[in-house]
Protein backbone atom coordinates (compact mmCIF):
# COMPACT_ATOMS: atom_id res chain seq x y z
CA MET A 1 -53.00 70.41 -49.50
CA LYS A 2 -54.51 73.85 -49.02
CA ALA A 3 -52.89 76.97 -50.38
CA VAL A 4 -53.39 80.71 -50.58
CA LEU A 5 -53.03 82.60 -53.83
CA TYR A 6 -51.31 86.01 -53.75
CA THR A 7 -51.16 88.51 -56.61
CA ARG A 8 -49.90 92.09 -56.71
CA VAL A 9 -49.55 95.03 -59.07
CA SER A 10 -47.40 98.03 -58.30
CA SER A 11 -49.75 100.88 -59.18
CA LYS A 12 -53.40 101.89 -59.47
CA GLU A 13 -52.89 102.42 -63.19
CA GLN A 14 -52.03 98.75 -63.73
CA GLU A 15 -55.16 97.69 -61.89
CA LYS A 16 -57.37 100.02 -63.96
CA GLU A 17 -55.96 98.69 -67.19
CA GLY A 18 -56.13 95.10 -65.99
CA TYR A 19 -52.47 94.79 -66.80
CA SER A 20 -51.33 91.81 -64.78
CA ILE A 21 -53.74 90.67 -62.04
CA PRO A 22 -55.91 88.43 -64.30
CA ALA A 23 -52.81 86.98 -65.94
CA GLN A 24 -51.27 86.18 -62.54
CA GLN A 25 -54.49 84.60 -61.26
CA LYS A 26 -54.89 82.45 -64.38
CA LEU A 27 -51.30 81.19 -64.13
CA LEU A 28 -51.58 80.35 -60.41
CA ARG A 29 -54.97 78.63 -60.69
CA GLU A 30 -53.76 76.40 -63.51
CA TYR A 31 -50.66 75.57 -61.47
CA SER A 32 -52.78 74.63 -58.42
CA ARG A 33 -54.95 72.32 -60.53
CA LYS A 34 -51.91 70.49 -61.89
CA LEU A 35 -50.56 69.91 -58.37
CA GLY A 36 -53.95 69.08 -56.89
CA LEU A 37 -53.84 72.01 -54.48
CA THR A 38 -56.99 73.53 -53.02
CA ILE A 39 -57.01 77.33 -52.97
CA ALA A 40 -58.38 78.31 -49.56
CA GLN A 41 -58.13 82.08 -50.04
CA GLU A 42 -57.01 84.63 -52.62
CA PHE A 43 -55.31 87.92 -51.76
CA THR A 44 -54.59 90.81 -54.14
CA ASP A 45 -52.68 94.03 -53.47
CA VAL A 46 -52.82 97.05 -55.76
CA GLU A 47 -50.12 99.26 -54.31
CA THR A 48 -46.37 99.66 -54.02
CA ALA A 49 -44.34 97.26 -51.86
CA LYS A 50 -41.62 99.78 -51.05
CA SER A 51 -42.40 99.44 -47.36
CA ALA A 52 -43.86 96.55 -45.38
CA GLY A 53 -47.50 96.66 -44.34
CA ARG A 54 -49.39 96.16 -47.58
CA THR A 55 -53.09 95.75 -46.77
CA ARG A 56 -53.82 92.36 -48.31
CA PHE A 57 -50.34 91.00 -47.59
CA GLY A 58 -50.99 91.71 -43.91
CA LYS A 59 -54.40 89.99 -44.16
CA MET A 60 -52.75 86.97 -45.77
CA PHE A 61 -50.14 86.80 -42.99
CA GLU A 62 -52.85 86.91 -40.30
CA TYR A 63 -54.87 84.25 -42.16
CA LEU A 64 -51.86 81.91 -42.31
CA LYS A 65 -51.17 82.43 -38.60
CA ALA A 66 -54.79 81.58 -37.76
CA ASN A 67 -54.93 78.55 -40.10
CA PRO A 68 -51.94 76.26 -39.49
CA SER A 69 -53.38 73.71 -41.94
CA VAL A 70 -52.69 76.13 -44.78
CA ARG A 71 -48.95 76.27 -45.36
CA VAL A 72 -48.54 76.94 -49.10
CA ILE A 73 -48.36 80.30 -50.86
CA LEU A 74 -48.73 80.46 -54.64
CA VAL A 75 -47.22 83.55 -56.27
CA GLU A 76 -46.00 84.43 -59.76
CA LYS A 77 -42.41 85.35 -58.88
CA THR A 78 -40.19 86.80 -56.17
CA ASP A 79 -40.83 90.52 -56.68
CA ARG A 80 -44.61 90.00 -56.63
CA LEU A 81 -44.47 88.64 -53.09
CA TYR A 82 -42.07 90.98 -51.35
CA ARG A 83 -39.66 93.79 -52.06
CA ASN A 84 -38.28 94.29 -48.56
CA PHE A 85 -36.62 92.09 -45.96
CA ARG A 86 -39.28 92.53 -43.30
CA ASP A 87 -41.80 90.62 -45.44
CA TYR A 88 -39.13 88.01 -46.19
CA VAL A 89 -38.42 87.41 -42.49
CA LEU A 90 -42.13 87.31 -41.57
CA LEU A 91 -42.86 84.49 -43.99
CA GLU A 92 -39.64 82.67 -43.16
CA ASP A 93 -40.55 82.64 -39.46
CA LEU A 94 -44.05 81.39 -40.31
CA GLY A 95 -42.60 78.25 -41.90
CA VAL A 96 -44.66 78.37 -45.10
CA GLU A 97 -43.86 76.75 -48.43
CA ILE A 98 -43.60 79.37 -51.19
CA HIS A 99 -44.20 78.31 -54.80
CA LEU A 100 -42.64 80.80 -57.23
CA VAL A 101 -44.48 79.53 -60.29
CA ARG A 102 -42.86 81.64 -63.00
CA GLU A 103 -39.39 80.91 -61.60
CA ASN A 104 -40.14 77.16 -61.20
CA GLU A 105 -38.87 77.26 -57.61
CA ILE A 106 -40.24 76.12 -54.24
CA ILE A 107 -38.81 77.68 -51.08
CA SER A 108 -39.45 76.20 -47.63
CA LYS A 109 -37.68 75.61 -44.34
CA ASP A 110 -36.45 72.28 -45.77
CA SER A 111 -34.97 73.83 -48.91
CA ARG A 112 -31.27 73.41 -49.47
CA SER A 113 -29.00 76.23 -48.45
CA HIS A 114 -28.11 77.10 -52.05
CA ALA A 115 -31.81 77.57 -52.92
CA LYS A 116 -32.30 79.85 -49.90
CA PHE A 117 -29.19 81.77 -50.83
CA ILE A 118 -30.28 82.38 -54.44
CA HIS A 119 -33.75 83.30 -53.19
CA GLY A 120 -32.27 85.76 -50.71
CA ILE A 121 -30.21 87.33 -53.50
CA LYS A 122 -33.36 87.77 -55.60
CA VAL A 123 -35.14 89.48 -52.71
CA LEU A 124 -32.14 91.76 -52.28
CA MET A 125 -32.10 92.59 -55.99
CA ALA A 126 -35.85 93.29 -56.02
CA LYS A 127 -35.34 95.69 -53.12
CA ASN A 128 -32.46 97.25 -55.06
CA PHE A 129 -34.77 97.82 -58.04
CA ILE A 130 -37.20 99.77 -55.83
CA ASP A 131 -34.31 101.74 -54.37
CA ASN A 132 -33.16 102.66 -57.87
CA LEU A 133 -36.60 104.02 -58.71
CA SER A 134 -36.42 106.00 -55.47
CA GLU A 135 -33.05 107.36 -56.55
CA GLU A 136 -34.62 108.68 -59.74
CA VAL A 137 -37.13 110.59 -57.64
CA LYS A 138 -34.25 112.01 -55.61
CA LYS A 139 -32.56 113.10 -58.83
CA GLY A 140 -35.68 115.04 -59.77
CA LEU A 141 -35.69 116.75 -56.37
CA LEU A 142 -32.02 117.61 -56.79
CA GLU A 143 -32.66 119.14 -60.21
CA LYS A 144 -35.38 121.29 -58.65
CA ALA A 145 -32.99 122.41 -55.90
CA GLU A 146 -30.38 123.35 -58.50
CA ARG A 147 -32.97 125.65 -60.09
CA GLY A 148 -33.31 127.39 -56.73
CA GLN A 149 -36.70 125.84 -55.90
CA TRP A 150 -37.20 124.24 -52.49
CA PRO A 151 -38.15 120.58 -53.27
CA HIS A 152 -39.87 119.73 -49.98
CA GLN A 153 -42.56 120.99 -47.62
CA ALA A 154 -42.25 124.72 -47.00
CA PRO A 155 -40.79 125.82 -43.63
CA LEU A 156 -43.01 127.55 -41.09
CA GLY A 157 -43.83 131.03 -42.42
CA TYR A 158 -44.20 129.76 -45.99
CA VAL A 159 -46.73 127.67 -47.92
CA ASN A 160 -46.44 125.40 -50.97
CA ASN A 161 -48.36 126.68 -53.99
CA VAL A 162 -49.79 123.52 -55.61
CA THR A 163 -50.36 125.33 -58.91
CA THR A 164 -46.94 126.88 -59.45
CA ARG A 165 -45.15 124.28 -57.28
CA LEU A 166 -43.22 127.13 -55.70
CA VAL A 167 -42.85 128.24 -52.07
CA GLU A 168 -44.60 131.48 -51.12
CA PRO A 169 -44.80 133.52 -47.85
CA ASP A 170 -47.66 132.65 -45.49
CA SER A 171 -49.25 136.07 -44.84
CA GLU A 172 -50.59 135.00 -41.42
CA LYS A 173 -47.29 133.73 -40.04
CA VAL A 174 -44.76 136.08 -41.69
CA PRO A 175 -45.02 138.83 -39.00
CA HIS A 176 -44.54 136.30 -36.19
CA VAL A 177 -41.49 134.67 -37.83
CA ARG A 178 -39.84 138.05 -38.44
CA ARG A 179 -40.47 139.06 -34.84
CA LEU A 180 -38.92 135.77 -33.66
CA PHE A 181 -35.63 136.64 -35.38
CA GLU A 182 -35.73 140.28 -34.26
CA MET A 183 -36.38 139.46 -30.59
CA TYR A 184 -33.74 136.73 -30.35
CA SER A 185 -31.11 138.84 -32.14
CA THR A 186 -31.11 141.29 -29.18
CA GLY A 187 -29.55 138.63 -26.95
CA GLU A 188 -32.04 139.43 -24.18
CA TYR A 189 -34.18 136.32 -24.62
CA SER A 190 -33.50 132.60 -24.34
CA ILE A 191 -35.00 130.28 -26.96
CA SER A 192 -37.65 129.09 -24.52
CA ARG A 193 -38.57 132.62 -23.47
CA VAL A 194 -38.89 134.03 -26.99
CA ARG A 195 -40.88 130.95 -28.01
CA ASP A 196 -43.35 131.42 -25.11
CA ARG A 197 -43.63 135.15 -25.74
CA LEU A 198 -44.55 134.68 -29.38
CA TYR A 199 -46.92 131.81 -28.59
CA ALA A 200 -48.91 134.29 -26.51
CA GLU A 201 -48.91 136.63 -29.50
CA GLY A 202 -50.22 133.95 -31.87
CA LEU A 203 -47.25 132.00 -33.27
CA ARG A 204 -48.32 128.37 -33.69
CA SER A 205 -47.09 125.26 -35.47
CA ARG A 206 -49.04 123.95 -38.47
CA THR A 207 -51.02 121.75 -36.09
CA GLY A 208 -51.91 124.74 -33.92
CA LYS A 209 -49.62 123.81 -31.02
CA ARG A 210 -46.84 125.70 -29.30
CA LEU A 211 -43.47 125.30 -30.97
CA SER A 212 -41.02 122.98 -29.27
CA LYS A 213 -37.67 124.38 -28.20
CA SER A 214 -35.85 122.29 -30.83
CA MET A 215 -38.18 123.44 -33.61
CA THR A 216 -37.71 127.08 -32.57
CA GLU A 217 -33.94 126.62 -32.71
CA MET A 218 -34.20 124.99 -36.15
CA ILE A 219 -36.12 128.02 -37.45
CA LEU A 220 -33.48 130.40 -36.10
CA LYS A 221 -30.70 128.38 -37.77
CA ASN A 222 -32.45 127.91 -41.11
CA PRO A 223 -30.88 130.05 -43.91
CA PHE A 224 -34.10 129.62 -45.91
CA TYR A 225 -35.53 132.72 -44.24
CA HIS A 226 -32.87 135.00 -45.74
CA GLY A 227 -33.03 133.45 -49.24
CA GLU A 228 -30.77 130.38 -49.19
CA PHE A 229 -31.36 126.73 -48.42
CA ILE A 230 -29.35 123.53 -47.94
CA TRP A 231 -30.28 120.37 -49.86
CA SER A 232 -28.23 117.16 -49.63
CA GLY A 233 -25.43 119.06 -47.92
CA VAL A 234 -25.17 121.76 -50.63
CA ARG A 235 -26.18 125.40 -50.15
CA TYR A 236 -28.32 126.96 -52.92
CA ASN A 237 -29.62 130.47 -53.62
CA GLY A 238 -33.40 130.17 -53.54
CA VAL A 239 -35.86 131.87 -55.88
CA HIS A 240 -38.36 132.30 -52.98
CA GLU A 241 -38.99 135.62 -51.25
CA PRO A 242 -36.81 136.12 -48.11
CA LEU A 243 -38.57 137.05 -44.86
CA ILE A 244 -35.48 138.63 -43.26
CA ASN A 245 -32.20 140.09 -44.48
CA ARG A 246 -28.81 138.40 -44.21
CA GLU A 247 -27.57 140.88 -41.59
CA LEU A 248 -30.36 139.95 -39.14
CA PHE A 249 -29.77 136.23 -39.75
CA ASP A 250 -26.04 136.58 -39.01
CA ARG A 251 -26.75 138.43 -35.75
CA VAL A 252 -29.01 135.60 -34.66
CA GLN A 253 -26.26 133.05 -35.41
CA GLN A 254 -23.81 134.99 -33.25
CA VAL A 255 -26.26 134.96 -30.33
CA LEU A 256 -26.85 131.22 -30.79
CA LYS A 257 -23.12 130.57 -30.83
CA ALA A 258 -22.54 132.57 -27.65
CA ASP A 259 -25.45 130.87 -25.93
CA GLY A 260 -24.34 127.34 -26.86
CA LYS A 261 -22.17 124.98 -24.90
CA PRO A 262 -18.75 123.85 -26.17
CA ARG A 263 -18.66 120.37 -27.64
CA PHE A 264 -15.72 118.06 -27.24
CA ARG A 265 -14.91 115.39 -29.78
CA LYS A 266 -14.98 111.91 -28.31
CA ARG A 267 -12.42 109.29 -29.23
CA ASP A 268 -13.50 107.10 -32.12
CA PHE A 269 -13.18 103.58 -30.70
CA ALA A 270 -13.01 100.93 -33.40
CA PHE A 271 -15.83 98.65 -32.24
CA LYS A 272 -18.15 100.98 -30.33
CA GLY A 273 -21.83 100.14 -30.69
CA LEU A 274 -21.15 96.73 -32.27
CA LEU A 275 -21.25 94.34 -29.33
CA LYS A 276 -23.62 93.26 -26.58
CA CYS A 277 -22.92 91.21 -23.49
CA ALA A 278 -24.10 87.61 -23.88
CA ARG A 279 -24.46 87.26 -20.10
CA CYS A 280 -26.76 90.17 -19.27
CA GLY A 281 -27.68 91.81 -22.58
CA CYS A 282 -26.08 95.19 -21.84
CA ALA A 283 -23.86 97.07 -24.27
CA ILE A 284 -20.12 96.44 -24.52
CA VAL A 285 -18.21 99.73 -24.27
CA ALA A 286 -14.57 100.79 -24.57
CA GLU A 287 -12.34 102.36 -21.95
CA ILE A 288 -8.71 103.55 -22.00
CA LYS A 289 -6.41 102.27 -19.28
CA LYS A 290 -3.05 103.85 -18.41
CA GLY A 291 -3.55 106.37 -21.18
CA LYS A 292 -2.90 103.93 -24.04
CA TYR A 293 -4.48 100.49 -23.56
CA ILE A 294 -8.05 100.04 -24.80
CA TYR A 295 -10.29 97.51 -23.06
CA TYR A 296 -13.90 96.53 -23.81
CA HIS A 297 -16.27 95.60 -20.98
CA CYS A 298 -19.94 95.31 -20.08
CA THR A 299 -21.68 98.49 -18.87
CA GLN A 300 -23.32 96.45 -16.07
CA GLY A 301 -26.42 98.55 -16.59
CA ARG A 302 -28.62 95.78 -15.17
CA GLY A 303 -26.53 94.99 -12.17
CA GLU A 304 -23.22 93.30 -11.49
CA CYS A 305 -21.96 91.17 -14.41
CA ASP A 306 -18.99 88.79 -14.51
CA GLN A 307 -18.12 89.56 -18.14
CA PRO A 308 -14.31 90.02 -18.18
CA TYR A 309 -12.43 92.93 -19.77
CA VAL A 310 -11.12 92.23 -23.29
CA ARG A 311 -8.24 94.00 -25.04
CA GLU A 312 -9.08 95.72 -28.34
CA GLU A 313 -6.36 93.77 -30.15
CA VAL A 314 -8.03 90.50 -29.17
CA LEU A 315 -11.45 91.68 -30.35
CA GLU A 316 -9.95 92.92 -33.60
CA ALA A 317 -8.53 89.48 -34.38
CA GLU A 318 -11.76 87.66 -33.41
CA LEU A 319 -13.92 89.95 -35.55
CA GLY A 320 -11.58 89.34 -38.46
CA GLU A 321 -12.24 85.62 -38.09
CA VAL A 322 -15.97 86.38 -38.26
CA LEU A 323 -15.48 87.97 -41.68
CA LYS A 324 -13.49 84.97 -42.90
CA THR A 325 -16.62 82.83 -42.61
CA ILE A 326 -18.35 84.59 -45.53
CA GLN A 327 -15.58 83.82 -48.03
CA VAL A 328 -16.49 81.40 -50.85
CA ASP A 329 -14.39 79.66 -53.51
CA GLN A 330 -14.17 81.23 -56.96
CA ASP A 331 -15.86 78.19 -58.55
CA VAL A 332 -18.83 78.63 -56.21
CA ALA A 333 -18.97 82.35 -57.01
CA ASP A 334 -19.08 81.58 -60.75
CA TRP A 335 -21.93 79.12 -60.25
CA ILE A 336 -23.94 81.69 -58.28
CA VAL A 337 -23.50 84.28 -61.05
CA ASN A 338 -24.89 81.80 -63.59
CA ALA A 339 -27.96 81.26 -61.42
CA LEU A 340 -28.57 85.01 -61.14
CA GLU A 341 -28.58 85.49 -64.91
CA SER A 342 -31.96 83.79 -65.19
CA SER A 343 -33.59 86.16 -62.68
CA GLN A 344 -32.07 89.17 -64.51
CA LYS A 345 -34.09 88.22 -67.57
CA ASP A 346 -37.37 88.37 -65.60
CA GLU A 347 -36.63 91.84 -64.29
CA ARG A 348 -35.66 93.14 -67.73
CA GLU A 349 -38.89 91.78 -69.22
CA TYR A 350 -40.88 93.47 -66.45
CA ARG A 351 -39.31 96.88 -67.12
CA GLU A 352 -39.78 96.52 -70.88
CA SER A 353 -43.46 95.62 -70.42
CA GLN A 354 -43.96 98.67 -68.22
CA VAL A 355 -42.37 100.96 -70.82
CA LYS A 356 -44.57 99.48 -73.57
CA ARG A 357 -47.69 99.96 -71.43
CA LEU A 358 -46.83 103.59 -70.73
CA GLN A 359 -45.98 104.23 -74.38
CA ARG A 360 -49.39 102.86 -75.43
CA ARG A 361 -51.08 105.23 -73.02
CA HIS A 362 -48.98 108.14 -74.32
CA ASN A 363 -49.94 107.33 -77.93
CA ASP A 364 -53.60 107.03 -76.95
CA LEU A 365 -53.52 110.48 -75.37
CA GLN A 366 -51.83 111.92 -78.46
CA ALA A 367 -54.56 110.45 -80.67
CA ARG A 368 -57.19 112.04 -78.43
CA LEU A 369 -55.40 115.40 -78.63
CA ASP A 370 -55.26 115.23 -82.42
CA LYS A 371 -58.96 114.34 -82.66
CA ALA A 372 -60.00 117.07 -80.20
CA TYR A 373 -57.94 119.63 -82.15
CA GLU A 374 -59.76 118.72 -85.36
CA ASP A 375 -63.12 118.97 -83.55
CA ARG A 376 -62.13 122.44 -82.35
CA LEU A 377 -61.25 123.55 -85.88
CA ASP A 378 -64.56 122.15 -87.14
CA GLY A 379 -66.47 123.96 -84.39
CA ILE A 380 -67.67 120.75 -82.71
CA ILE A 381 -66.11 121.81 -79.38
CA ASP A 382 -65.44 125.33 -78.10
CA ASP A 383 -62.08 126.87 -77.12
CA GLY A 384 -62.73 126.56 -73.38
CA PHE A 385 -63.35 122.81 -73.58
CA TRP A 386 -60.27 122.40 -75.79
CA ARG A 387 -58.02 124.21 -73.32
CA ASP A 388 -59.32 122.12 -70.43
CA VAL A 389 -58.89 118.65 -71.99
CA SER A 390 -55.64 119.46 -73.81
CA SER A 391 -54.06 120.75 -70.59
CA ARG A 392 -55.02 117.61 -68.65
CA TRP A 393 -53.89 115.22 -71.37
CA ARG A 394 -50.56 116.98 -71.93
CA THR A 395 -49.88 117.01 -68.19
CA GLU A 396 -50.52 113.26 -68.10
CA GLN A 397 -48.23 112.79 -71.12
CA SER A 398 -45.44 114.65 -69.32
CA THR A 399 -45.86 112.42 -66.29
CA ILE A 400 -45.75 109.33 -68.52
CA VAL A 401 -42.54 110.51 -70.19
CA GLU A 402 -40.93 110.95 -66.75
CA GLN A 403 -42.03 107.45 -65.70
CA ILE A 404 -40.64 105.92 -68.92
CA GLU A 405 -37.29 107.64 -68.32
CA ARG A 406 -37.18 106.31 -64.74
CA TYR A 407 -37.71 102.74 -65.93
CA LYS A 408 -35.05 103.17 -68.61
CA ARG A 409 -32.56 104.60 -66.12
CA ALA A 410 -33.38 102.16 -63.29
CA ASP A 411 -30.63 99.63 -62.74
CA GLY A 412 -32.18 96.16 -63.04
CA ASN A 413 -28.93 94.34 -63.56
CA TYR A 414 -29.13 91.48 -61.09
CA VAL A 415 -25.84 89.98 -62.19
CA ASP A 416 -23.78 93.12 -61.49
CA GLN A 417 -25.31 93.55 -58.06
CA GLY A 418 -24.92 89.86 -57.25
CA VAL A 419 -21.27 89.93 -58.32
CA ARG A 420 -20.65 92.88 -55.99
CA ILE A 421 -22.08 90.93 -53.06
CA ILE A 422 -19.92 87.90 -53.83
CA GLU A 423 -16.85 90.10 -54.33
CA LEU A 424 -17.46 91.76 -50.99
CA ALA A 425 -17.80 88.36 -49.33
CA GLN A 426 -14.46 87.29 -50.80
CA GLN A 427 -12.64 90.57 -50.08
CA ALA A 428 -14.17 91.44 -46.69
CA TYR A 429 -11.35 90.02 -44.59
CA PRO A 430 -8.44 91.55 -46.60
CA LEU A 431 -10.26 94.90 -46.60
CA TYR A 432 -10.78 94.66 -42.85
CA LEU A 433 -7.08 94.15 -42.19
CA ARG A 434 -5.97 97.35 -43.91
CA GLN A 435 -8.77 99.78 -42.94
CA ASN A 436 -8.91 102.34 -40.13
CA ALA A 437 -11.20 102.09 -37.10
CA SER A 438 -14.26 103.83 -38.58
CA GLU A 439 -14.06 101.87 -41.85
CA LYS A 440 -13.72 98.57 -39.98
CA ARG A 441 -16.82 99.40 -37.95
CA ARG A 442 -18.69 100.35 -41.12
CA LEU A 443 -17.77 97.06 -42.82
CA LEU A 444 -18.83 95.02 -39.78
CA ASN A 445 -22.12 96.92 -39.55
CA PHE A 446 -22.79 96.09 -43.20
CA VAL A 447 -22.26 92.36 -42.68
CA LEU A 448 -23.56 91.84 -39.13
CA SER A 449 -26.96 92.60 -37.62
CA ASN A 450 -25.86 91.69 -34.10
CA CYS A 451 -22.86 90.30 -32.25
CA THR A 452 -22.68 89.14 -28.63
CA LEU A 453 -19.55 88.64 -26.54
CA ASP A 454 -19.17 85.93 -23.92
CA GLY A 455 -15.73 86.03 -22.37
CA LEU A 456 -13.42 85.82 -25.39
CA THR A 457 -16.00 84.16 -27.66
CA LEU A 458 -18.03 86.05 -30.27
CA TYR A 459 -21.49 84.95 -31.43
CA PRO A 460 -22.29 86.82 -34.67
CA THR A 461 -25.67 87.20 -36.36
CA TYR A 462 -25.24 87.93 -40.07
CA LYS A 463 -27.43 90.12 -42.23
CA LYS A 464 -29.00 88.68 -45.36
CA PRO A 465 -27.72 87.39 -47.69
CA PHE A 466 -24.46 86.89 -45.77
CA ASP A 467 -26.19 84.50 -43.34
CA LEU A 468 -27.03 82.28 -46.31
CA ILE A 469 -23.43 82.43 -47.52
CA VAL A 470 -22.22 81.28 -44.10
CA GLU A 471 -24.74 78.42 -44.12
CA GLY A 472 -23.55 77.35 -47.57
CA VAL A 473 -19.90 77.48 -46.54
CA LYS A 474 -20.63 75.25 -43.54
CA MET A 475 -21.96 72.58 -45.94
CA GLN A 476 -18.36 72.23 -47.17
CA THR A 477 -18.98 71.14 -50.78
CA TRP A 478 -20.95 72.99 -53.46
CA TYR A 479 -21.46 71.19 -56.77
CA PRO A 480 -23.29 71.78 -60.08
CA VAL A 481 -25.99 69.30 -61.13
CA LEU A 482 -27.14 68.81 -64.74
CA ASN A 483 -30.93 68.38 -64.78
CA ASP A 484 -33.18 66.88 -67.47
CA SER A 485 -33.45 70.17 -69.37
CA ARG A 486 -29.64 70.24 -69.64
CA THR A 487 -29.35 73.41 -67.57
CA ILE A 488 -27.25 73.95 -64.48
CA ARG A 489 -28.75 74.04 -61.01
CA PHE A 490 -26.85 74.02 -57.71
CA GLY A 491 -26.62 71.60 -54.82
CA PHE A 492 -24.75 70.94 -51.63
CA ALA A 493 -23.08 67.78 -50.39
CA ARG A 494 -21.77 67.15 -46.93
CA SER A 495 -18.13 66.16 -46.83
């Protein structure tokens, strides 16, 4: 059999230090020799997998599509292959056989449901690990906002100073932005008119184009220009220089309010946006009859459709039955938790290895600083050279310390996350029964990716890993199997 070999590291630094690529390749090549597999191609990515579209991963996918005789992928472990569901679905649709060598697992279209389920959980947990790292970045941005510093790209009229990392006025655009507020505050100009007038006078976007009407309105509503800003829903006093005073900003808001149209709150129907018509593919919408009865029906956006009207009470009961299908027995839940504990160990070892690697680099930089300081005292290097190298090395040390803290704070606890998923599966139906309309819709959106209605029958499509739970439940009987190494694995048996 022919196979492709895929390896990945998550940063340029790892590649430069040769941290894990050679080790991965050695492991996979030895594995292929033992199984008698021929490696047709090797693919290596040196970048983050936070979003789909990695260069070599994409090349590997195209190669597998073009070579149907190659249907085996060799990879170290789950989080080396993918950290998002798009990659997971792409390979699943391709019908390849994935050998997770470090995890001693083979996943294919013929794998048992329990193996697919555990694999899906691992993918979900790997994605959760990336999300946790992202959350640490968000925490840093929030800390900056709390100091009064705008943590994002500067609004039009300002520029980001890369040295001080502060926002400063853009001398070329400041006069135009001030005039925008002054002209609109008179109430004699519409947004479009004042935008066109200032475009003729030289006001441009960063790309040199005329401002759109929506962007002009956003500028007029942005409190940043009078010294405040909103970050994550909280208003902060900024340390940047205001371009206008608060009085002018308030006058502009009054004009905007008078010029706007009144908005009426629509009724919050319980299942709006959740359903599609199975007969024509149009959306299913709600309508009130006789002032109190709620019916759901097809929009008939593609022509006449014979989909009947359905009472909300009927849909509510049917959707509750959909949630019942993801419930599992407590014994099964306990078995799944045991299986997740092994993958938690891999993730913990990965984070610890990253911290050790970064600490080694930090110590190396400190040794260089100490040596350079002695050379400066001995007159081997001059003060200018010392200031240059010490500044660069200390900056890198600060970055390393931040990275180490992120890894230490990142939540890599697979078991806790897995337990939450299982608990949600078991409690979804009872929760559904006692929640209000918006919370029911939110719960259904979390579990379902799509749901079609045909008459009174619902056809749900579950999100991962709930689709795997449903598949396992349909198998009726889950049972533990004691293998030769005296450890527990999981199986299914048809009743």
